[in-house]
Protein backbone atom coordinates (compact mmCIF):
# COMPACT_ATOMS: atom_id res chain seq x y z
CA UNK A 1 48.89 -34.94 11.73
CA UNK A 2 50.67 -32.35 9.54
CA UNK A 3 49.34 -31.02 6.26
CA UNK A 4 50.98 -28.74 3.73
CA UNK A 5 49.36 -26.38 1.22
CA UNK A 6 51.18 -24.61 -1.59
CA UNK A 7 50.67 -20.87 -1.13
CA UNK A 8 50.59 -20.40 -4.91
CA UNK A 9 47.36 -22.39 -4.95
CA UNK A 10 45.81 -21.50 -1.57
CA UNK A 11 45.78 -18.35 0.47
CA UNK A 12 46.58 -18.18 4.16
CA UNK A 13 43.10 -16.79 4.77
CA UNK A 14 41.43 -19.76 3.01
CA UNK A 15 43.47 -22.22 5.12
CA UNK A 16 42.64 -20.31 8.36
CA UNK A 17 38.91 -20.21 7.56
CA UNK A 18 38.91 -23.95 6.82
CA UNK A 19 40.64 -24.70 10.11
CA UNK A 20 38.21 -22.51 11.99
CA UNK A 21 35.33 -24.45 10.45
CA UNK A 22 36.67 -27.65 12.13
CA UNK A 23 37.65 -26.05 15.43
CA UNK A 24 34.92 -28.06 17.17
CA UNK A 25 36.79 -31.32 16.41
CA UNK A 26 40.45 -30.33 16.34
CA UNK A 27 42.91 -27.60 17.23
CA UNK A 28 45.19 -26.21 14.57
CA UNK A 29 48.54 -24.53 14.38
CA UNK A 30 49.06 -22.72 11.09
CA UNK A 31 52.54 -21.59 9.99
CA UNK A 32 54.18 -20.32 6.86
CA UNK A 33 57.32 -22.08 5.68
CA UNK A 34 59.46 -20.24 3.18
CA UNK A 35 62.18 -21.76 1.05
CA UNK A 36 64.01 -20.48 -2.00
CA UNK A 37 61.82 -22.59 -4.25
CA UNK A 38 58.36 -22.29 -2.65
CA UNK A 39 56.26 -20.96 0.18
CA UNK A 40 54.14 -23.54 1.98
CA UNK A 41 51.34 -23.16 4.50
CA UNK A 42 51.85 -25.83 7.13
CA UNK A 43 49.00 -27.00 9.34
CA UNK A 44 49.51 -29.11 12.40
CA UNK A 45 46.21 -30.79 13.33
CA UNK A 46 45.49 -32.11 16.84
CA UNK A 47 42.11 -33.78 17.27
CA UNK A 48 40.31 -32.79 20.48
CA UNK A 49 39.44 -36.45 21.15
CA UNK A 50 41.43 -39.49 20.08
CA UNK A 51 40.57 -40.69 16.59
CA UNK A 52 41.25 -43.91 14.70
CA UNK A 53 43.44 -43.93 11.64
CA UNK A 54 40.27 -43.90 9.50
CA UNK A 55 38.92 -40.95 11.51
CA UNK A 56 42.16 -39.00 10.96
CA UNK A 57 42.08 -39.75 7.22
CA UNK A 58 38.45 -38.57 7.07
CA UNK A 59 39.30 -35.37 8.92
CA UNK A 60 42.25 -34.71 6.58
CA UNK A 61 40.05 -35.21 3.49
CA UNK A 62 37.33 -32.94 4.89
CA UNK A 63 39.85 -30.24 5.80
CA UNK A 64 41.46 -30.36 2.34
CA UNK A 65 38.00 -30.08 0.71
CA UNK A 66 37.14 -27.15 2.96
CA UNK A 67 40.39 -25.35 2.09
CA UNK A 68 39.55 -25.75 -1.58
CA UNK A 69 35.99 -24.48 -0.92
CA UNK A 70 37.23 -21.42 0.98
CA UNK A 71 39.74 -20.64 -1.77
CA UNK A 72 37.02 -20.74 -4.42
CA UNK A 73 34.81 -18.55 -2.22
CA UNK A 74 37.63 -15.97 -2.06
CA UNK A 75 38.03 -16.03 -5.82
CA UNK A 76 34.30 -15.66 -6.42
CA UNK A 77 34.11 -12.82 -3.89
CA UNK A 78 36.95 -11.02 -5.68
CA UNK A 79 35.45 -11.58 -9.15
CA UNK A 80 32.01 -10.34 -8.16
CA UNK A 81 33.07 -7.45 -5.93
CA UNK A 82 32.15 -4.77 -8.50
CA UNK A 83 28.67 -6.14 -9.08
CA UNK A 84 28.07 -6.62 -5.36
CA UNK A 85 29.10 -3.01 -4.62
CA UNK A 86 26.90 -1.74 -7.44
CA UNK A 87 23.87 -3.66 -6.04
CA UNK A 88 24.54 -2.40 -2.52
CA UNK A 89 24.98 1.20 -3.57
CA UNK A 90 21.77 1.03 -5.59
CA UNK A 91 19.89 -0.51 -2.69
CA UNK A 92 21.13 2.13 -0.22
CA UNK A 93 20.48 4.99 -2.64
CA UNK A 94 16.77 4.24 -2.38
CA UNK A 95 16.71 4.44 1.45
CA UNK A 96 17.36 8.12 1.88
CA UNK A 97 20.43 7.32 4.00
CA UNK A 98 22.69 8.78 1.34
CA UNK A 99 21.95 12.33 0.27
CA UNK A 100 22.24 12.69 -3.52
CA UNK A 101 21.51 15.50 -5.97
CA UNK A 102 17.82 14.61 -6.10
CA UNK A 103 17.48 13.55 -2.42
CA UNK A 104 17.12 16.06 0.36
CA UNK A 105 19.89 15.92 2.96
CA UNK A 106 17.42 15.88 5.85
CA UNK A 107 13.75 15.06 6.07
C-alpha cells in the first residue's frame, strides 16, 4: 500500500512519528518526492502479517488520522513554546539549581 502526503500540509516529522506509532503492525518506507509543482511525502506500508482489504483500509485510515494528529501536536508545540519555556524557567528558578541575583551560587 502506498500513501502520499502533501508536504505543504504535513511535515516529514509528523509522518515519521505517525509511522512509528504503527510500527507494531506494519513496516514503513518514507521518501520525499520532489517535482516542479509540489513536494510529496510518500509512504510505502507493508503490514507485518497479511491483512484483508478491509484491514488495509482500516490501517490506512488510522495512519492518516495519526499523521493529522501528529501535525496538530507539532503546531500546538510551536505555538505554546514561549509559555512552556516561561513555566519551566520559573519552576527551575525556585529549585536553587540556577544561581540568580538573589540566590547564592552554592549552599
